[in-house]
Amino acid sequence: MKGRRTGWLAPAAFLADRLTKLWAQEALRGQGPMAVWPGVLQFRYVENTGAAFGILQGQQALLLVLTGAALAGLLCWLLTRGRSLPAFARGALWLLLGGAAGNFADRLFHGAVVDFLEIELFSFPVFNIADCCVCVAFALLAGWILLRGGETGVKGGGKDARAGGTV
């Protein structure tokens, strides 16, 4: 499984995010909520000028710099050292990259992130496909690390953290 290609996940996540946001802008902007599954899920158009859960509202320049640097760093690492990870973890990182790039593109070209998925079943912020990709990627990575007992298997990454060294 180590040789499997996973880089396609980033453009797939980015494209799915962009297409659904374009749809939301055309179909939902200026409209009220649209029930998908009454009482559970609805579409509601929201423009978020902040980050996750609405933090850092109006701090577009800061968010662009931080996100841009993180995207560039992750892309460089994936292209140069990503092969040292198993395909599962590498795929999760590509998924993370695609999702983060989708929201970055919104901030860069639109000035705000377009959100349109709202869970009515419980109180939760409105979100989008990019957010889903980022959350799924983090959950997969956390599960992978926990199941491996904290050992990531990254070659050349220093001593094992459990041995008191650095990772």
Foldseek 3Di string as FASTA:
>chain_A
DLPDDQLVLQVVLLVQQVVVLVVCVVPAVPHAWADPDPQFKIWHKDWALDDPPNPPRPVLVVLLVVLVVVLVVLVVCCVPQVSQAGPQLSNLSSLLSNLSVNQSCCCVPVVTGIFIMATNNDDDDGHTSSVVSNVVSVVSNVVVCVVVVNDRSRPPQWDRVVVVIGD
